[in-house]
N, C-alpha and C. Protein backbone atom coordinates (compact mmCIF):
# COMPACT_ATOMS: atom_id res chain seq x y z
N MET A 1 0.79 -1.19 0.05
CA MET A 1 -0.05 0.02 -0.04
C MET A 1 0.96 1.32 -0.09
N ALA A 2 0.63 2.02 -0.79
CA ALA A 2 1.33 3.32 -0.72
C ALA A 2 1.10 4.14 0.28
N ARG A 3 2.11 4.94 0.73
CA ARG A 3 1.95 5.93 1.80
C ARG A 3 1.36 6.96 1.33
N LYS A 4 0.21 7.50 2.20
CA LYS A 4 -0.52 8.65 1.77
C LYS A 4 0.09 10.04 2.78
N TYR A 5 0.28 10.83 1.94
CA TYR A 5 0.92 12.05 2.60
C TYR A 5 0.08 13.20 3.16
N GLY A 6 -0.05 13.39 4.29
CA GLY A 6 -0.87 14.70 4.73
C GLY A 6 -2.33 14.32 4.85
N ASP A 7 -2.99 15.44 4.23
CA ASP A 7 -4.52 15.29 4.18
C ASP A 7 -4.95 15.33 3.03
N ASP A 8 -6.61 15.35 2.78
CA ASP A 8 -7.00 15.29 1.40
C ASP A 8 -7.09 16.72 0.69
N SER A 9 -6.27 17.45 1.16
CA SER A 9 -6.30 18.87 0.45
C SER A 9 -5.88 18.89 -1.02
N GLY A 10 -5.20 17.67 -1.59
CA GLY A 10 -4.63 17.86 -2.99
C GLY A 10 -3.56 18.79 -3.13
N GLY A 11 -2.74 18.80 -2.05
CA GLY A 11 -1.52 19.57 -2.04
C GLY A 11 -1.69 21.21 -1.97
N ILE A 12 -3.00 21.65 -1.86
CA ILE A 12 -3.26 23.00 -1.52
C ILE A 12 -3.00 23.28 -0.25
N MET A 13 -2.02 24.67 0.01
CA MET A 13 -1.61 25.20 1.19
C MET A 13 -2.49 26.16 1.69
N HIS A 14 -3.35 26.01 2.74
CA HIS A 14 -4.23 27.06 3.15
C HIS A 14 -3.40 28.02 4.15
N THR A 15 -3.56 29.10 3.77
CA THR A 15 -2.53 30.29 4.59
C THR A 15 -3.43 31.15 5.21
N LYS A 16 -4.63 30.91 5.88
CA LYS A 16 -5.50 31.67 6.69
C LYS A 16 -5.02 32.40 7.78
N PRO A 17 -3.97 31.99 8.50
CA PRO A 17 -3.07 32.62 9.56
C PRO A 17 -2.33 33.70 8.80
N LEU A 18 -1.63 33.59 7.81
CA LEU A 18 -0.83 34.28 7.09
C LEU A 18 -1.72 35.54 6.38
N ASP A 19 -2.92 34.99 6.04
CA ASP A 19 -3.84 36.29 5.27
C ASP A 19 -4.09 37.14 6.46
N GLU A 20 -4.31 36.93 7.58
CA GLU A 20 -4.67 37.66 8.84
C GLU A 20 -3.47 38.68 9.00
N ILE A 21 -2.52 38.12 8.98
CA ILE A 21 -1.22 38.83 9.32
C ILE A 21 -0.75 39.95 8.27
N VAL A 22 -1.04 39.48 7.07
CA VAL A 22 -0.79 40.23 5.68
C VAL A 22 -1.83 41.47 6.02
N LYS A 23 -3.14 41.22 6.34
CA LYS A 23 -4.08 42.32 6.76
C LYS A 23 -3.62 43.31 7.70
N LYS A 24 -3.23 42.82 8.89
CA LYS A 24 -2.84 43.78 9.79
C LYS A 24 -1.75 44.51 9.54
N LEU A 25 -0.55 43.84 8.75
CA LEU A 25 0.66 44.71 8.61
C LEU A 25 0.50 45.28 7.34
N ASP A 26 -0.53 45.17 6.62
CA ASP A 26 -0.68 46.18 5.12
C ASP A 26 0.44 45.66 4.40
N ILE A 27 0.59 44.31 4.20
CA ILE A 27 1.76 43.83 3.36
C ILE A 27 1.59 44.27 1.96
N PRO A 28 2.31 44.65 1.42
CA PRO A 28 2.32 45.05 -0.23
C PRO A 28 2.21 43.49 -0.95
N GLN A 29 1.58 43.80 -2.26
CA GLN A 29 1.27 42.19 -2.99
C GLN A 29 2.53 42.16 -3.65
N ALA A 30 3.53 42.85 -3.71
CA ALA A 30 4.94 42.33 -4.18
C ALA A 30 5.43 41.44 -3.12
N VAL A 31 5.41 41.75 -2.08
CA VAL A 31 5.96 41.04 -0.90
C VAL A 31 5.44 39.73 -0.84
N MET A 32 4.08 39.78 -0.91
CA MET A 32 3.22 38.29 -0.93
C MET A 32 3.69 37.65 -2.10
N GLU A 33 3.92 38.04 -3.33
CA GLU A 33 4.39 37.28 -4.25
C GLU A 33 5.63 36.88 -4.21
N ASN A 34 6.62 37.49 -3.50
CA ASN A 34 7.80 37.02 -3.00
C ASN A 34 7.75 35.77 -2.08
N ALA A 35 6.85 36.16 -1.10
CA ALA A 35 6.82 35.00 -0.13
C ALA A 35 6.13 33.55 -0.83
N ILE A 36 4.96 33.66 -1.65
CA ILE A 36 4.66 32.49 -2.15
C ILE A 36 5.66 32.02 -3.06
N LEU A 37 6.46 32.77 -3.87
CA LEU A 37 7.48 32.16 -4.79
C LEU A 37 8.36 31.41 -4.02
N ALA A 38 8.88 31.94 -2.98
CA ALA A 38 9.84 31.37 -1.99
C ALA A 38 9.23 29.88 -1.32
N ILE A 39 8.04 29.88 -1.28
CA ILE A 39 7.28 28.86 -0.75
C ILE A 39 7.49 27.73 -1.78
N GLY A 40 7.00 28.01 -3.29
CA GLY A 40 6.96 27.21 -4.17
C GLY A 40 8.30 26.66 -4.53
N LYS A 41 9.46 27.63 -4.48
CA LYS A 41 10.99 27.21 -4.70
C LYS A 41 11.24 26.14 -3.64
N ARG A 42 10.89 26.30 -2.60
CA ARG A 42 11.35 25.38 -1.44
C ARG A 42 10.59 23.86 -1.79
N VAL A 43 9.47 23.89 -2.44
CA VAL A 43 8.74 22.72 -2.68
C VAL A 43 9.37 22.14 -3.90
N GLU A 44 9.96 23.09 -4.83
CA GLU A 44 10.77 22.51 -5.93
C GLU A 44 11.87 21.75 -5.51
N ALA A 45 12.63 22.45 -4.74
CA ALA A 45 13.88 22.10 -4.26
C ALA A 45 13.78 20.64 -3.61
N LEU A 46 12.77 20.38 -2.87
CA LEU A 46 12.39 19.27 -2.16
C LEU A 46 12.34 18.30 -2.90
N ALA A 47 11.25 18.64 -3.98
CA ALA A 47 10.77 17.62 -4.94
C ALA A 47 11.88 17.14 -5.74
N ALA A 48 12.86 17.87 -6.13
CA ALA A 48 14.10 17.48 -6.94
C ALA A 48 15.03 16.64 -6.09
N GLU A 49 15.05 17.05 -4.74
CA GLU A 49 15.93 16.05 -4.00
C GLU A 49 15.19 14.60 -3.76
N LEU A 50 13.82 14.65 -3.46
CA LEU A 50 13.30 13.38 -3.27
C LEU A 50 13.00 12.62 -4.62
N CYS A 51 13.10 13.14 -5.77
CA CYS A 51 12.79 12.38 -7.00
C CYS A 51 13.78 11.31 -7.07
N PRO A 52 13.16 10.25 -7.69
CA PRO A 52 14.01 9.13 -8.05
C PRO A 52 14.93 9.58 -9.51
N VAL A 53 16.27 9.55 -9.58
CA VAL A 53 16.92 9.80 -10.83
C VAL A 53 17.54 8.50 -11.48
N ASP A 54 17.09 8.37 -12.71
CA ASP A 54 17.90 7.47 -13.60
C ASP A 54 18.86 8.50 -14.51
N ILE A 55 18.29 9.30 -15.43
CA ILE A 55 18.99 10.02 -16.37
C ILE A 55 18.79 11.41 -15.97
N GLY A 56 17.84 11.87 -15.10
CA GLY A 56 17.56 13.13 -14.56
C GLY A 56 16.61 13.92 -15.18
N ASN A 57 15.79 13.23 -16.15
CA ASN A 57 14.81 13.88 -17.11
C ASN A 57 13.67 14.36 -16.20
N LEU A 58 13.16 13.57 -15.23
CA LEU A 58 12.20 13.78 -14.35
C LEU A 58 12.70 14.96 -13.37
N ARG A 59 13.73 14.92 -12.83
CA ARG A 59 14.15 15.87 -11.83
C ARG A 59 14.28 17.14 -12.37
N ASP A 60 14.92 17.31 -13.69
CA ASP A 60 14.99 18.55 -14.62
C ASP A 60 13.62 19.15 -14.89
N SER A 61 12.57 18.20 -15.06
CA SER A 61 11.15 18.87 -15.38
C SER A 61 10.25 19.38 -14.11
N ILE A 62 10.90 19.50 -12.88
CA ILE A 62 10.29 20.03 -11.93
C ILE A 62 10.54 21.57 -11.81
N GLN A 63 9.51 22.27 -11.81
CA GLN A 63 9.87 23.65 -11.62
C GLN A 63 8.83 24.35 -11.23
N VAL A 64 8.99 25.64 -10.82
CA VAL A 64 7.91 26.49 -10.10
C VAL A 64 7.26 27.31 -11.39
N SER A 65 5.95 27.25 -11.59
CA SER A 65 5.42 28.13 -12.53
C SER A 65 5.36 29.42 -11.94
N GLN A 66 4.85 30.40 -12.65
CA GLN A 66 4.86 31.91 -12.49
C GLN A 66 3.55 31.86 -11.63
N TRP A 67 3.67 32.79 -10.58
CA TRP A 67 2.66 33.27 -9.68
C TRP A 67 1.55 33.79 -10.34
N ALA A 68 0.49 33.78 -9.83
CA ALA A 68 -0.76 34.66 -10.22
C ALA A 68 -1.70 35.09 -9.08
N PHE A 69 -2.29 36.18 -9.13
CA PHE A 69 -3.34 36.50 -8.27
C PHE A 69 -4.53 36.63 -8.68
N SER A 70 -5.45 35.91 -7.73
CA SER A 70 -6.84 35.86 -8.14
C SER A 70 -7.47 36.91 -7.26
N LYS A 71 -8.78 36.79 -6.72
CA LYS A 71 -9.41 37.92 -6.16
C LYS A 71 -8.86 38.31 -4.95
N GLY A 72 -8.73 39.45 -4.48
CA GLY A 72 -8.25 39.74 -2.93
C GLY A 72 -6.80 39.56 -2.62
N ASN A 73 -6.34 39.22 -1.66
CA ASN A 73 -4.83 38.96 -1.49
C ASN A 73 -4.53 37.38 -1.60
N THR A 74 -5.36 36.67 -2.55
CA THR A 74 -5.01 35.05 -2.61
C THR A 74 -3.80 35.05 -3.47
N ALA A 75 -2.75 34.53 -3.11
CA ALA A 75 -1.73 34.39 -3.91
C ALA A 75 -1.53 32.64 -4.31
N GLN A 76 -1.18 32.59 -5.41
CA GLN A 76 -1.15 31.13 -6.02
C GLN A 76 0.40 30.90 -6.64
N THR A 77 0.78 29.79 -6.58
CA THR A 77 1.86 29.35 -7.58
C THR A 77 1.80 27.86 -7.52
N TYR A 78 2.38 27.30 -8.39
CA TYR A 78 2.18 26.03 -8.85
C TYR A 78 3.78 25.24 -9.24
N VAL A 79 3.90 24.17 -8.67
CA VAL A 79 5.10 23.43 -8.77
C VAL A 79 4.60 22.41 -9.61
N VAL A 80 5.24 22.10 -10.84
CA VAL A 80 4.97 21.11 -11.68
C VAL A 80 5.92 20.08 -12.27
N ALA A 81 5.87 18.82 -12.41
CA ALA A 81 6.94 18.36 -13.00
C ALA A 81 6.23 17.49 -14.29
N ASP A 82 6.60 18.26 -15.29
CA ASP A 82 5.98 18.23 -16.57
C ASP A 82 6.80 16.95 -17.60
N SER A 83 7.35 16.17 -17.03
CA SER A 83 8.00 15.06 -17.62
C SER A 83 6.90 14.10 -17.86
N GLU A 84 6.80 13.47 -19.23
CA GLU A 84 5.64 12.68 -19.71
C GLU A 84 5.40 11.50 -18.66
N TYR A 85 6.37 11.21 -17.87
CA TYR A 85 6.23 9.99 -16.96
C TYR A 85 6.00 10.14 -15.44
N ALA A 86 5.97 11.61 -15.22
CA ALA A 86 6.07 12.18 -13.96
C ALA A 86 4.86 11.50 -13.01
N ALA A 87 3.70 11.54 -13.54
CA ALA A 87 2.53 11.01 -12.79
C ALA A 87 2.58 9.59 -12.41
N TYR A 88 3.21 8.74 -13.58
CA TYR A 88 3.53 7.12 -13.48
C TYR A 88 4.41 7.09 -12.03
N VAL A 89 5.43 7.95 -12.03
CA VAL A 89 6.26 7.62 -10.85
C VAL A 89 5.64 8.21 -9.47
N GLU A 90 4.85 9.18 -9.54
CA GLU A 90 4.24 9.77 -8.27
C GLU A 90 3.17 9.05 -7.89
N LEU A 91 2.14 8.27 -8.73
CA LEU A 91 1.15 7.74 -8.30
C LEU A 91 1.37 6.11 -8.54
N GLY A 92 2.35 5.70 -9.31
CA GLY A 92 2.35 4.16 -9.81
C GLY A 92 1.57 3.83 -10.78
N THR A 93 1.82 2.51 -11.24
CA THR A 93 1.35 1.93 -12.33
C THR A 93 0.59 0.52 -12.13
N GLY A 94 -0.42 0.15 -12.91
CA GLY A 94 -0.75 -1.19 -12.69
C GLY A 94 -1.51 -1.45 -11.37
N ILE A 95 -1.10 -2.60 -10.73
CA ILE A 95 -1.81 -2.86 -9.70
C ILE A 95 -1.75 -1.92 -8.43
N HIS A 96 -0.50 -1.13 -8.48
CA HIS A 96 0.00 -0.23 -7.56
C HIS A 96 -0.49 0.96 -7.85
N GLY A 97 -1.09 1.46 -9.07
CA GLY A 97 -1.48 2.70 -9.46
C GLY A 97 -2.80 3.06 -9.23
N PRO A 98 -3.46 4.06 -9.61
CA PRO A 98 -4.90 4.43 -9.52
C PRO A 98 -5.92 3.49 -9.90
N LYS A 99 -5.62 2.85 -11.14
CA LYS A 99 -6.59 1.75 -11.71
C LYS A 99 -6.65 0.23 -10.90
N HIS A 100 -5.55 0.04 -10.21
CA HIS A 100 -5.29 -1.06 -9.39
C HIS A 100 -5.59 -2.21 -10.28
N GLN A 101 -5.06 -2.40 -11.61
CA GLN A 101 -5.44 -3.50 -12.60
C GLN A 101 -3.95 -3.77 -13.28
N ARG A 102 -3.73 -4.99 -13.28
CA ARG A 102 -2.60 -5.43 -14.29
C ARG A 102 -2.45 -4.74 -15.58
N ILE A 103 -1.21 -4.60 -15.90
CA ILE A 103 -1.14 -3.91 -17.35
C ILE A 103 -0.91 -5.00 -18.34
N THR A 104 -1.92 -5.06 -19.38
CA THR A 104 -2.22 -6.05 -20.38
C THR A 104 -1.97 -5.30 -21.77
N PRO A 105 -1.59 -6.03 -22.84
CA PRO A 105 -1.64 -5.39 -24.19
C PRO A 105 -3.04 -5.13 -24.55
N ARG A 106 -2.91 -4.11 -25.56
CA ARG A 106 -4.33 -3.66 -25.95
C ARG A 106 -4.77 -4.12 -27.35
N VAL A 107 -3.63 -4.44 -28.31
CA VAL A 107 -3.73 -4.81 -29.47
C VAL A 107 -3.04 -6.12 -29.65
N LYS A 108 -1.93 -6.13 -29.32
CA LYS A 108 -1.07 -7.58 -29.49
C LYS A 108 -1.25 -8.57 -28.35
N LYS A 109 -0.79 -9.62 -28.60
CA LYS A 109 -0.68 -10.79 -27.60
C LYS A 109 0.21 -10.48 -26.25
N PHE A 110 1.21 -9.86 -26.66
CA PHE A 110 2.30 -9.52 -25.57
C PHE A 110 2.63 -8.28 -25.51
N LEU A 111 3.39 -7.75 -24.30
CA LEU A 111 3.85 -6.56 -24.07
C LEU A 111 5.30 -6.78 -24.39
N ALA A 112 6.04 -5.81 -24.99
CA ALA A 112 7.36 -5.96 -25.28
C ALA A 112 8.27 -4.60 -24.99
N TRP A 113 9.39 -4.90 -24.32
CA TRP A 113 10.12 -3.62 -24.08
C TRP A 113 11.69 -4.09 -23.88
N GLN A 114 12.67 -3.25 -24.27
CA GLN A 114 13.92 -3.59 -24.04
C GLN A 114 14.39 -2.98 -22.53
N ASP A 115 15.08 -3.63 -21.90
CA ASP A 115 15.81 -3.43 -20.38
C ASP A 115 16.93 -2.35 -20.71
N LYS A 116 17.52 -2.01 -19.55
CA LYS A 116 18.65 -1.13 -19.96
C LYS A 116 19.80 -1.72 -20.66
N SER A 117 19.94 -2.97 -20.73
CA SER A 117 21.01 -3.59 -21.32
C SER A 117 20.80 -3.95 -22.70
N GLY A 118 19.57 -3.72 -23.10
CA GLY A 118 19.22 -3.86 -24.58
C GLY A 118 18.23 -5.39 -24.69
N LYS A 119 18.33 -6.11 -23.66
CA LYS A 119 17.57 -7.35 -23.99
C LYS A 119 16.11 -7.21 -23.86
N TRP A 120 15.52 -7.81 -24.79
CA TRP A 120 13.92 -7.77 -25.32
C TRP A 120 13.36 -8.62 -24.10
N ILE A 121 12.30 -8.04 -23.46
CA ILE A 121 11.45 -8.61 -22.31
C ILE A 121 10.00 -8.90 -23.20
N PHE A 122 9.42 -10.10 -23.01
CA PHE A 122 7.88 -10.23 -23.42
C PHE A 122 7.17 -10.72 -22.51
N ALA A 123 6.05 -10.28 -22.08
CA ALA A 123 5.07 -10.63 -21.06
C ALA A 123 3.59 -10.23 -21.49
N ARG A 124 2.95 -11.34 -21.10
CA ARG A 124 1.44 -11.18 -21.18
C ARG A 124 0.79 -10.23 -20.29
N SER A 125 1.39 -9.93 -19.31
CA SER A 125 0.88 -8.85 -18.36
C SER A 125 2.03 -8.65 -17.57
N VAL A 126 1.94 -7.38 -16.83
CA VAL A 126 2.91 -7.24 -15.73
C VAL A 126 2.10 -6.33 -14.50
N GLN A 127 2.59 -6.45 -13.43
CA GLN A 127 1.81 -5.92 -12.24
C GLN A 127 2.18 -4.26 -12.52
N GLY A 128 3.13 -3.82 -12.65
CA GLY A 128 3.25 -2.37 -12.96
C GLY A 128 4.41 -1.88 -11.69
N MET A 129 4.25 -0.64 -11.53
CA MET A 129 5.46 -0.01 -10.96
C MET A 129 4.85 0.46 -9.52
N LYS A 130 5.59 0.32 -8.35
CA LYS A 130 5.05 0.91 -7.22
C LYS A 130 5.28 2.54 -7.20
N PRO A 131 4.37 3.10 -6.66
CA PRO A 131 4.62 4.51 -6.53
C PRO A 131 5.86 5.06 -5.89
N ARG A 132 6.51 6.15 -6.36
CA ARG A 132 7.64 6.65 -5.58
C ARG A 132 7.45 8.05 -5.71
N PRO A 133 6.48 8.55 -4.63
CA PRO A 133 6.16 9.91 -4.50
C PRO A 133 7.24 10.82 -4.39
N PHE A 134 7.27 12.12 -5.13
CA PHE A 134 8.22 13.02 -4.62
C PHE A 134 7.64 14.49 -4.67
N LEU A 135 6.60 14.77 -5.22
CA LEU A 135 5.85 16.08 -5.22
C LEU A 135 4.89 16.06 -4.00
N ALA A 136 3.98 15.14 -3.56
CA ALA A 136 3.41 15.13 -2.48
C ALA A 136 4.31 15.11 -1.06
N PRO A 137 5.26 14.49 -0.83
CA PRO A 137 5.95 14.77 0.23
C PRO A 137 6.55 16.10 0.44
N ALA A 138 7.12 16.57 -0.88
CA ALA A 138 7.65 17.95 -0.74
C ALA A 138 6.57 19.01 -0.23
N VAL A 139 5.30 18.74 -0.89
CA VAL A 139 4.37 19.78 -0.51
C VAL A 139 4.23 19.93 1.11
N PHE A 140 3.92 18.54 1.49
CA PHE A 140 3.52 18.48 2.99
C PHE A 140 4.56 18.74 3.70
N GLU A 141 5.87 18.42 3.22
CA GLU A 141 7.01 18.80 4.26
C GLU A 141 7.08 20.21 4.46
N THR A 142 6.78 21.00 3.11
CA THR A 142 6.85 22.56 2.98
C THR A 142 5.90 22.91 4.06
N LYS A 143 4.53 22.41 4.01
CA LYS A 143 3.43 22.86 4.71
C LYS A 143 3.89 23.13 6.15
N GLU A 144 4.47 22.28 6.67
CA GLU A 144 5.13 22.51 8.09
C GLU A 144 6.16 23.68 8.23
N HIS A 145 6.58 24.21 7.33
CA HIS A 145 7.47 25.38 7.38
C HIS A 145 6.99 26.64 6.54
N LEU A 146 5.70 26.70 6.36
CA LEU A 146 5.13 27.70 5.72
C LEU A 146 5.21 29.11 6.43
N GLY A 147 5.01 29.17 7.50
CA GLY A 147 5.02 30.34 8.09
C GLY A 147 6.63 30.90 8.43
N ALA A 148 7.27 29.95 8.75
CA ALA A 148 8.75 30.38 8.79
C ALA A 148 9.36 31.05 7.35
N ILE A 149 9.12 30.23 6.23
CA ILE A 149 9.46 30.55 4.83
C ILE A 149 8.77 32.17 4.52
N ALA A 150 7.55 32.12 4.72
CA ALA A 150 6.96 33.53 4.36
C ALA A 150 7.43 34.60 5.35
N GLY A 151 7.58 34.20 6.77
CA GLY A 151 8.19 34.98 7.75
C GLY A 151 9.30 35.59 7.46
N ASP A 152 10.15 34.72 6.71
CA ASP A 152 11.44 35.44 6.17
C ASP A 152 11.57 36.32 5.26
N VAL A 153 10.61 36.41 4.31
CA VAL A 153 10.38 37.27 3.34
C VAL A 153 9.92 38.51 4.02
N VAL A 154 9.02 38.48 4.91
CA VAL A 154 8.38 39.63 5.52
C VAL A 154 9.34 40.20 6.17
N LYS A 155 10.16 39.51 6.97
CA LYS A 155 11.28 40.11 7.57
C LYS A 155 12.35 40.81 6.96
N LYS A 156 12.68 40.60 5.92
CA LYS A 156 13.51 41.10 4.81
C LYS A 156 12.65 42.48 4.39
N TRP A 157 11.55 42.42 4.20
CA TRP A 157 10.82 43.52 3.71
C TRP A 157 10.79 44.49 4.80
N LEU A 158 10.46 44.21 6.11
CA LEU A 158 10.43 45.10 7.35
C LEU A 158 11.64 45.84 7.37
N LYS A 159 12.74 44.92 7.28
CA LYS A 159 14.16 45.57 7.31
C LYS A 159 14.53 46.52 6.42
N SER A 160 13.98 46.18 4.98
CA SER A 160 14.29 47.18 4.14
C SER A 160 13.44 48.54 4.35
N LEU A 161 12.32 48.43 5.09
CA LEU A 161 11.60 49.54 5.36
C LEU A 161 12.33 50.39 6.36
N LYS A 162 12.87 49.83 7.42
CA LYS A 162 13.82 50.27 8.48
C LYS A 162 14.82 51.10 7.99
N GLU A 163 15.52 50.65 6.93
CA GLU A 163 16.76 50.96 6.16
C GLU A 163 16.44 52.06 5.37
N GLN A 164 15.25 52.33 4.86
CA GLN A 164 14.93 53.46 4.00
C GLN A 164 14.70 54.76 4.92
N LYS A 165 14.34 54.44 6.15
CA LYS A 165 14.13 55.75 7.03
C LYS A 165 15.40 56.35 7.52
């Protein structure tokens, strides 16, 4: 059974306590952008560290997208792994994946692939690959440090205000 990380929030980090601090301190939108981007970069770095590496394509595909603002002071950023096989690594395949079914050929009688040494492998079905999550653990690890990361950005902003006076 795959380990489940955190809660059922789908990786969304709720920042209600931070939102209240932002309102009280009247923190500019640009500072919040920097805080949210710093949080996204932390997730990106942890995911790259936790990611299984063969030749590095999956790790290299992990990136923070541009942040965007919706209504009010709600800031968003996205960390994505856009490798074509990222979801298979994160969630698993076959009996270990979301469908919980063996992998079977759709058209031919056998599945066929080459292993790393170049040897051909033939099979009527395979169990699939166990999940090796890297994004979910990175999100939930970062959630524990959300206040500290955002706090560091706000402290730098406050320090720059003092220096301007």
